[in-house]
N, C-alpha and C. Protein backbone atom coordinates (compact mmCIF):
# COMPACT_ATOMS: atom_id res chain seq x y z
N UNK A 1 72.50 88.61 125.36
CA UNK A 1 71.62 88.83 126.48
C UNK A 1 72.04 90.12 127.19
N UNK A 2 71.07 90.89 127.64
CA UNK A 2 71.33 92.17 128.29
C UNK A 2 71.76 91.94 129.73
N UNK A 3 72.85 92.61 130.12
CA UNK A 3 73.34 92.48 131.49
C UNK A 3 72.47 93.29 132.44
N UNK A 4 72.59 92.98 133.74
CA UNK A 4 71.84 93.73 134.76
C UNK A 4 72.26 95.20 134.76
N UNK A 5 73.55 95.42 134.58
CA UNK A 5 74.06 96.78 134.56
C UNK A 5 73.47 97.57 133.39
N UNK A 6 73.41 96.94 132.22
CA UNK A 6 72.85 97.61 131.04
C UNK A 6 71.35 97.86 131.22
N UNK A 7 70.66 96.88 131.80
CA UNK A 7 69.23 97.02 132.05
C UNK A 7 68.96 98.21 132.97
N UNK A 8 69.77 98.38 134.00
CA UNK A 8 69.61 99.52 134.93
C UNK A 8 69.88 100.84 134.22
N UNK A 9 70.90 100.87 133.38
CA UNK A 9 71.20 102.08 132.62
C UNK A 9 70.04 102.42 131.69
N UNK A 10 69.45 101.41 131.07
CA UNK A 10 68.29 101.63 130.19
C UNK A 10 67.13 102.22 130.97
N UNK A 11 66.90 101.71 132.18
CA UNK A 11 65.80 102.23 133.01
C UNK A 11 66.04 103.69 133.39
N UNK A 12 67.28 104.01 133.78
CA UNK A 12 67.60 105.41 134.14
C UNK A 12 67.39 106.34 132.94
N UNK A 13 67.85 105.91 131.78
CA UNK A 13 67.69 106.73 130.57
C UNK A 13 66.22 106.89 130.20
N UNK A 14 65.44 105.83 130.36
CA UNK A 14 64.02 105.89 130.02
C UNK A 14 63.27 106.88 130.90
N UNK A 15 63.68 106.96 132.18
CA UNK A 15 63.03 107.91 133.09
C UNK A 15 63.29 109.36 132.66
N UNK A 16 64.43 109.59 132.06
CA UNK A 16 64.76 110.94 131.62
C UNK A 16 64.10 111.27 130.28
N UNK A 17 63.66 110.28 129.54
CA UNK A 17 63.06 110.48 128.22
C UNK A 17 61.56 110.69 128.37
N UNK A 18 61.18 111.92 128.58
CA UNK A 18 59.76 112.20 128.80
C UNK A 18 59.08 112.80 127.59
N UNK A 19 59.83 113.04 126.53
CA UNK A 19 59.23 113.66 125.36
C UNK A 19 59.13 115.16 125.53
N UNK A 20 58.49 115.81 124.59
CA UNK A 20 58.39 117.27 124.66
C UNK A 20 57.54 117.70 125.85
N UNK A 21 57.95 118.80 126.48
CA UNK A 21 57.25 119.24 127.69
C UNK A 21 56.40 120.49 127.46
N UNK A 22 56.72 121.25 126.43
CA UNK A 22 55.96 122.47 126.18
C UNK A 22 54.83 122.19 125.19
N UNK A 23 53.83 123.05 125.20
CA UNK A 23 52.71 122.91 124.27
C UNK A 23 53.21 123.00 122.83
N UNK A 24 54.17 123.90 122.59
CA UNK A 24 54.72 124.04 121.24
C UNK A 24 55.44 122.76 120.80
N UNK A 25 56.21 122.18 121.71
CA UNK A 25 56.91 120.93 121.39
C UNK A 25 55.95 119.79 121.14
N UNK A 26 54.93 119.69 121.95
CA UNK A 26 53.92 118.64 121.77
C UNK A 26 53.18 118.81 120.46
N UNK A 27 52.86 120.05 120.12
CA UNK A 27 52.17 120.32 118.85
C UNK A 27 53.06 119.94 117.67
N UNK A 28 54.36 120.22 117.81
CA UNK A 28 55.29 119.93 116.72
C UNK A 28 55.41 118.43 116.46
N UNK A 29 55.41 117.62 117.52
CA UNK A 29 55.59 116.18 117.33
C UNK A 29 54.27 115.44 117.13
N UNK A 30 53.15 116.13 117.30
CA UNK A 30 51.84 115.47 117.19
C UNK A 30 51.62 114.85 115.82
N UNK A 31 52.18 115.45 114.79
CA UNK A 31 51.97 114.95 113.44
C UNK A 31 53.12 114.11 112.91
N UNK A 32 54.05 113.70 113.77
CA UNK A 32 55.21 112.96 113.30
C UNK A 32 54.85 111.71 112.50
N UNK A 33 53.85 110.99 112.93
CA UNK A 33 53.50 109.75 112.24
C UNK A 33 52.66 110.00 110.99
N UNK A 34 52.12 111.21 110.87
CA UNK A 34 51.28 111.52 109.71
C UNK A 34 52.06 112.35 108.72
N UNK A 35 52.63 111.69 107.78
CA UNK A 35 53.36 112.42 106.77
C UNK A 35 52.50 112.53 105.52
N UNK A 36 52.03 111.39 105.07
CA UNK A 36 51.20 111.38 103.87
C UNK A 36 50.03 110.43 104.01
N UNK A 37 49.93 109.71 105.14
CA UNK A 37 48.80 108.83 105.39
C UNK A 37 48.81 107.53 104.59
N UNK A 38 49.92 107.22 103.94
CA UNK A 38 49.94 106.03 103.08
C UNK A 38 50.19 104.75 103.86
N UNK A 39 50.61 104.84 105.10
CA UNK A 39 50.85 103.64 105.90
C UNK A 39 49.58 103.14 106.58
N UNK A 40 48.54 103.93 106.56
CA UNK A 40 47.30 103.55 107.23
C UNK A 40 46.75 102.25 106.65
N UNK A 41 46.26 101.38 107.53
CA UNK A 41 45.70 100.11 107.06
C UNK A 41 44.54 100.34 106.12
N UNK A 42 43.71 101.31 106.45
CA UNK A 42 42.65 101.72 105.54
C UNK A 42 42.91 103.19 105.22
N UNK A 43 42.33 103.65 104.18
CA UNK A 43 42.56 105.03 103.79
C UNK A 43 41.30 105.83 104.07
N UNK A 44 41.16 106.33 105.31
CA UNK A 44 39.94 107.03 105.69
C UNK A 44 39.71 108.32 104.93
N UNK A 45 40.79 108.88 104.36
CA UNK A 45 40.62 110.15 103.68
C UNK A 45 40.28 110.00 102.20
N UNK A 46 40.13 108.75 101.73
CA UNK A 46 39.68 108.57 100.35
C UNK A 46 38.22 109.00 100.27
N UNK A 47 37.87 109.65 99.21
CA UNK A 47 36.52 110.14 99.01
C UNK A 47 35.58 108.93 98.80
N UNK A 48 34.67 108.72 99.75
CA UNK A 48 33.77 107.56 99.71
C UNK A 48 32.92 107.55 98.45
N UNK A 49 32.49 108.73 98.01
CA UNK A 49 31.65 108.77 96.80
C UNK A 49 32.47 108.38 95.57
N UNK A 50 33.75 108.76 95.56
CA UNK A 50 34.63 108.39 94.44
C UNK A 50 34.89 106.88 94.46
N UNK A 51 35.09 106.32 95.66
CA UNK A 51 35.27 104.86 95.78
C UNK A 51 34.04 104.14 95.25
N UNK A 52 32.87 104.59 95.66
CA UNK A 52 31.62 103.93 95.23
C UNK A 52 31.40 104.07 93.73
N UNK A 53 31.67 105.26 93.19
CA UNK A 53 31.50 105.47 91.74
C UNK A 53 32.42 104.56 90.95
N UNK A 54 33.68 104.50 91.35
CA UNK A 54 34.64 103.66 90.64
C UNK A 54 34.33 102.18 90.84
N UNK A 55 33.92 101.81 92.05
CA UNK A 55 33.57 100.41 92.33
C UNK A 55 32.38 99.97 91.48
N UNK A 56 31.38 100.84 91.34
CA UNK A 56 30.21 100.50 90.52
C UNK A 56 30.62 100.30 89.07
N UNK A 57 31.52 101.14 88.60
CA UNK A 57 31.98 101.00 87.21
C UNK A 57 32.78 99.71 87.03
N UNK A 58 33.64 99.40 87.98
CA UNK A 58 34.47 98.19 87.89
C UNK A 58 33.64 96.91 87.99
N UNK A 59 32.63 96.94 88.86
CA UNK A 59 31.81 95.74 89.08
C UNK A 59 30.61 95.68 88.15
N UNK A 60 30.49 96.68 87.29
CA UNK A 60 29.35 96.79 86.38
C UNK A 60 28.03 96.72 87.15
N UNK A 61 28.06 97.34 88.33
CA UNK A 61 26.90 97.43 89.23
C UNK A 61 26.34 96.07 89.64
N UNK A 62 27.15 95.02 89.56
CA UNK A 62 26.75 93.68 90.00
C UNK A 62 27.00 93.60 91.51
N UNK A 63 25.95 93.40 92.29
CA UNK A 63 26.06 93.41 93.75
C UNK A 63 27.04 92.36 94.27
N UNK A 64 27.12 91.21 93.61
CA UNK A 64 28.04 90.17 94.06
C UNK A 64 29.50 90.58 93.85
N UNK A 65 29.74 91.44 92.90
CA UNK A 65 31.11 91.84 92.58
C UNK A 65 31.50 93.16 93.24
N UNK A 66 30.55 93.80 93.91
CA UNK A 66 30.77 95.15 94.43
C UNK A 66 31.88 95.22 95.48
N UNK A 67 31.97 94.23 96.38
CA UNK A 67 33.04 94.25 97.39
C UNK A 67 34.42 94.24 96.75
N UNK A 68 34.60 93.39 95.74
CA UNK A 68 35.88 93.35 95.04
C UNK A 68 36.11 94.64 94.27
N UNK A 69 35.03 95.21 93.73
CA UNK A 69 35.14 96.48 93.04
C UNK A 69 35.58 97.59 93.98
N UNK A 70 35.05 97.59 95.21
CA UNK A 70 35.45 98.59 96.20
C UNK A 70 36.93 98.43 96.56
N UNK A 71 37.33 97.18 96.74
CA UNK A 71 38.73 96.90 97.09
C UNK A 71 39.65 97.42 95.97
N UNK A 72 39.29 97.12 94.73
CA UNK A 72 40.09 97.58 93.59
C UNK A 72 40.05 99.11 93.49
N UNK A 73 38.90 99.71 93.72
CA UNK A 73 38.77 101.16 93.64
C UNK A 73 39.65 101.84 94.68
N UNK A 74 39.66 101.31 95.92
CA UNK A 74 40.51 101.90 96.96
C UNK A 74 41.98 101.80 96.56
N UNK A 75 42.39 100.66 95.99
CA UNK A 75 43.78 100.49 95.58
C UNK A 75 44.13 101.44 94.43
N UNK A 76 43.21 101.62 93.50
CA UNK A 76 43.45 102.54 92.38
C UNK A 76 43.58 103.98 92.89
N UNK A 77 42.67 104.38 93.78
CA UNK A 77 42.72 105.73 94.31
C UNK A 77 43.95 105.94 95.19
N UNK A 78 44.35 104.91 95.92
CA UNK A 78 45.57 104.99 96.72
C UNK A 78 46.78 105.17 95.79
N UNK A 79 46.79 104.46 94.66
CA UNK A 79 47.88 104.61 93.68
C UNK A 79 47.95 106.04 93.18
N UNK A 80 46.80 106.64 92.94
CA UNK A 80 46.78 108.03 92.49
C UNK A 80 47.36 108.96 93.55
N UNK A 81 47.02 108.71 94.82
CA UNK A 81 47.57 109.51 95.92
C UNK A 81 49.08 109.37 96.00
N UNK A 82 49.57 108.15 95.79
CA UNK A 82 51.00 107.91 95.84
C UNK A 82 51.71 108.68 94.73
N UNK A 83 51.16 108.63 93.53
CA UNK A 83 51.77 109.37 92.42
C UNK A 83 51.75 110.87 92.69
N UNK A 84 50.68 111.35 93.30
CA UNK A 84 50.61 112.78 93.65
C UNK A 84 51.65 113.11 94.72
N UNK A 85 51.86 112.21 95.68
CA UNK A 85 52.87 112.43 96.71
C UNK A 85 54.27 112.46 96.10
N UNK A 86 54.51 111.61 95.11
CA UNK A 86 55.81 111.63 94.42
C UNK A 86 56.02 112.98 93.72
N UNK A 87 54.99 113.44 93.04
CA UNK A 87 55.09 114.73 92.34
C UNK A 87 55.32 115.87 93.34
N UNK A 88 54.62 115.84 94.47
CA UNK A 88 54.80 116.86 95.50
C UNK A 88 56.22 116.83 96.06
N UNK A 89 56.75 115.62 96.25
CA UNK A 89 58.11 115.47 96.77
C UNK A 89 59.12 116.08 95.82
N UNK A 90 58.99 115.79 94.55
CA UNK A 90 59.90 116.34 93.56
C UNK A 90 59.75 117.86 93.46
N UNK A 91 58.53 118.33 93.48
CA UNK A 91 58.28 119.77 93.41
C UNK A 91 58.90 120.48 94.61
N UNK A 92 58.76 119.90 95.81
CA UNK A 92 59.33 120.51 97.01
C UNK A 92 60.86 120.55 96.92
N UNK A 93 61.45 119.48 96.39
CA UNK A 93 62.92 119.47 96.24
C UNK A 93 63.36 120.56 95.28
N UNK A 94 62.65 120.72 94.19
CA UNK A 94 63.00 121.76 93.23
C UNK A 94 62.85 123.16 93.82
N UNK A 95 61.80 123.34 94.62
CA UNK A 95 61.61 124.64 95.27
C UNK A 95 62.73 124.93 96.26
N UNK A 96 63.15 123.88 97.02
CA UNK A 96 64.26 124.08 97.96
C UNK A 96 65.53 124.49 97.22
N UNK A 97 65.65 124.05 95.98
CA UNK A 97 66.82 124.40 95.18
C UNK A 97 66.68 125.76 94.49
N UNK A 98 65.51 126.37 94.63
CA UNK A 98 65.31 127.70 94.07
C UNK A 98 64.70 127.72 92.69
N UNK A 99 64.15 126.60 92.23
CA UNK A 99 63.50 126.57 90.93
C UNK A 99 62.02 126.78 91.10
N UNK A 100 61.42 127.56 90.23
CA UNK A 100 59.97 127.73 90.27
C UNK A 100 59.34 126.74 89.29
N UNK A 101 58.03 126.82 89.13
CA UNK A 101 57.31 125.87 88.27
C UNK A 101 57.79 125.90 86.83
N UNK A 102 58.29 127.04 86.38
CA UNK A 102 58.75 127.16 85.00
C UNK A 102 60.16 126.61 84.82
N UNK A 103 60.82 126.23 85.93
CA UNK A 103 62.15 125.65 85.83
C UNK A 103 63.27 126.66 85.88
N UNK A 104 62.93 127.94 86.07
CA UNK A 104 63.98 128.95 86.16
C UNK A 104 64.36 129.13 87.63
N UNK A 105 65.38 129.87 87.86
CA UNK A 105 65.78 130.13 89.25
C UNK A 105 67.28 130.22 89.36
N UNK A 106 67.75 130.37 90.59
CA UNK A 106 69.18 130.50 90.83
C UNK A 106 69.86 129.15 90.68
N UNK A 107 71.13 129.19 90.40
CA UNK A 107 71.91 127.95 90.32
C UNK A 107 72.26 127.52 91.74
N UNK A 108 71.86 126.32 92.14
CA UNK A 108 72.13 125.87 93.51
C UNK A 108 73.60 125.49 93.70
N UNK A 109 74.03 125.55 94.94
CA UNK A 109 75.36 125.08 95.27
C UNK A 109 75.36 123.55 95.14
N UNK A 110 76.45 122.97 94.69
CA UNK A 110 76.48 121.51 94.50
C UNK A 110 76.12 120.71 95.75
N UNK A 111 76.58 121.18 96.93
CA UNK A 111 76.27 120.45 98.17
C UNK A 111 74.77 120.50 98.47
N UNK A 112 74.17 121.69 98.27
CA UNK A 112 72.73 121.84 98.50
C UNK A 112 71.94 120.98 97.53
N UNK A 113 72.38 121.00 96.29
CA UNK A 113 71.70 120.22 95.27
C UNK A 113 71.77 118.73 95.59
N UNK A 114 72.93 118.26 95.98
CA UNK A 114 73.10 116.84 96.31
C UNK A 114 72.25 116.45 97.51
N UNK A 115 72.22 117.29 98.54
CA UNK A 115 71.43 117.00 99.74
C UNK A 115 69.94 116.96 99.43
N UNK A 116 69.46 117.94 98.68
CA UNK A 116 68.04 118.00 98.34
C UNK A 116 67.62 116.83 97.45
N UNK A 117 68.45 116.52 96.47
CA UNK A 117 68.11 115.42 95.57
C UNK A 117 68.19 114.07 96.28
N UNK A 118 69.13 113.93 97.20
CA UNK A 118 69.24 112.68 97.96
C UNK A 118 68.01 112.48 98.84
N UNK A 119 67.58 113.54 99.51
CA UNK A 119 66.37 113.45 100.35
C UNK A 119 65.16 113.14 99.49
N UNK A 120 65.08 113.77 98.33
CA UNK A 120 63.97 113.53 97.41
C UNK A 120 63.96 112.07 96.95
N UNK A 121 65.13 111.56 96.59
CA UNK A 121 65.24 110.18 96.14
C UNK A 121 64.85 109.21 97.24
N UNK A 122 65.30 109.47 98.47
CA UNK A 122 64.93 108.60 99.60
C UNK A 122 63.42 108.54 99.77
N UNK A 123 62.77 109.71 99.71
CA UNK A 123 61.32 109.75 99.88
C UNK A 123 60.61 109.04 98.73
N UNK A 124 61.07 109.24 97.51
CA UNK A 124 60.44 108.59 96.37
C UNK A 124 60.62 107.07 96.44
N UNK A 125 61.76 106.61 96.94
CA UNK A 125 61.98 105.17 97.10
C UNK A 125 60.98 104.59 98.12
N UNK A 126 60.73 105.33 99.20
CA UNK A 126 59.74 104.89 100.18
C UNK A 126 58.35 104.84 99.53
N UNK A 127 58.03 105.88 98.78
CA UNK A 127 56.73 105.93 98.12
C UNK A 127 56.59 104.79 97.11
N UNK A 128 57.69 104.39 96.48
CA UNK A 128 57.63 103.25 95.55
C UNK A 128 57.23 101.97 96.26
N UNK A 129 57.64 101.81 97.52
CA UNK A 129 57.20 100.65 98.30
C UNK A 129 55.69 100.65 98.47
N UNK A 130 55.13 101.81 98.79
CA UNK A 130 53.68 101.93 98.90
C UNK A 130 53.01 101.66 97.56
N UNK A 131 53.64 102.13 96.50
CA UNK A 131 53.08 101.93 95.15
C UNK A 131 53.04 100.44 94.80
N UNK A 132 54.10 99.71 95.15
CA UNK A 132 54.11 98.26 94.88
C UNK A 132 52.99 97.56 95.64
N UNK A 133 52.80 97.95 96.89
CA UNK A 133 51.72 97.34 97.69
C UNK A 133 50.36 97.65 97.09
N UNK A 134 50.13 98.89 96.70
CA UNK A 134 48.85 99.27 96.10
C UNK A 134 48.64 98.53 94.78
N UNK A 135 49.70 98.37 93.99
CA UNK A 135 49.58 97.64 92.72
C UNK A 135 49.23 96.18 92.97
N UNK A 136 49.84 95.59 93.99
CA UNK A 136 49.54 94.19 94.32
C UNK A 136 48.09 94.04 94.77
N UNK A 137 47.63 94.97 95.61
CA UNK A 137 46.24 94.94 96.06
C UNK A 137 45.28 95.13 94.89
N UNK A 138 45.63 96.02 93.99
CA UNK A 138 44.79 96.27 92.82
C UNK A 138 44.70 95.02 91.95
N UNK A 139 45.86 94.39 91.70
CA UNK A 139 45.86 93.16 90.88
C UNK A 139 45.03 92.06 91.53
N UNK A 140 45.20 91.87 92.83
CA UNK A 140 44.44 90.83 93.53
C UNK A 140 42.94 91.08 93.44
N UNK A 141 42.54 92.32 93.66
CA UNK A 141 41.11 92.65 93.63
C UNK A 141 40.56 92.50 92.22
N UNK A 142 41.31 92.95 91.23
CA UNK A 142 40.83 92.83 89.85
C UNK A 142 40.79 91.37 89.41
N UNK A 143 41.78 90.58 89.84
CA UNK A 143 41.75 89.14 89.54
C UNK A 143 40.51 88.49 90.13
N UNK A 144 40.22 88.80 91.40
CA UNK A 144 39.03 88.23 92.06
C UNK A 144 37.76 88.72 91.37
N UNK A 145 37.75 89.97 90.97
CA UNK A 145 36.60 90.55 90.30
C UNK A 145 36.32 89.85 88.97
N UNK A 146 37.36 89.55 88.24
CA UNK A 146 37.18 88.97 86.91
C UNK A 146 37.12 87.44 86.91
N UNK A 147 37.61 86.81 88.00
CA UNK A 147 37.60 85.35 88.03
C UNK A 147 36.28 84.78 88.50
N UNK A 148 35.47 85.59 89.17
CA UNK A 148 34.18 85.12 89.63
C UNK A 148 34.22 84.44 90.99
N UNK A 149 35.29 84.63 91.76
CA UNK A 149 35.37 84.06 93.11
C UNK A 149 34.70 85.02 94.08
N UNK A 150 33.38 85.00 94.09
CA UNK A 150 32.63 85.98 94.86
C UNK A 150 32.73 85.73 96.36
N UNK A 151 32.98 84.50 96.77
CA UNK A 151 33.01 84.19 98.20
C UNK A 151 34.30 84.65 98.86
N UNK A 152 35.33 84.88 98.09
CA UNK A 152 36.61 85.31 98.66
C UNK A 152 36.52 86.78 99.02
N UNK A 153 36.77 87.07 100.29
CA UNK A 153 36.71 88.47 100.71
C UNK A 153 38.03 89.13 100.35
N UNK A 154 37.98 90.33 99.78
CA UNK A 154 39.22 91.01 99.38
C UNK A 154 40.10 91.35 100.57
């Protein structure tokens, strides 16, 4: 349980924590939560026409199956975005180490190499969590699509 003294210290510290005060600081932190958009409950940046095209193909244009087809299509497209984010992460790590697309470049210092690869691995591990979720959503939607449970909302 928090003591009264600790609670007062927390209040004093909170009053001092006002966040960035300059326009530059506010602009810098404005995108903190938007790294790759994979945590969003829905994926507003997925191409709606691509979702519909893929959903129609998955549901064989059957209106009763279309909702499940859309759900599966969004999960498939989200999986593609995740794989692209993994590739971008690895590419950025290689660039930080001085390698170009052809794989040539300067030999990195061992400490720099370890730091860059560790950061890359951490990010890829996070992306793998998103990939597992997308795969689970895809399996659920495809199971519903193929089982004929039309009343179950994805």
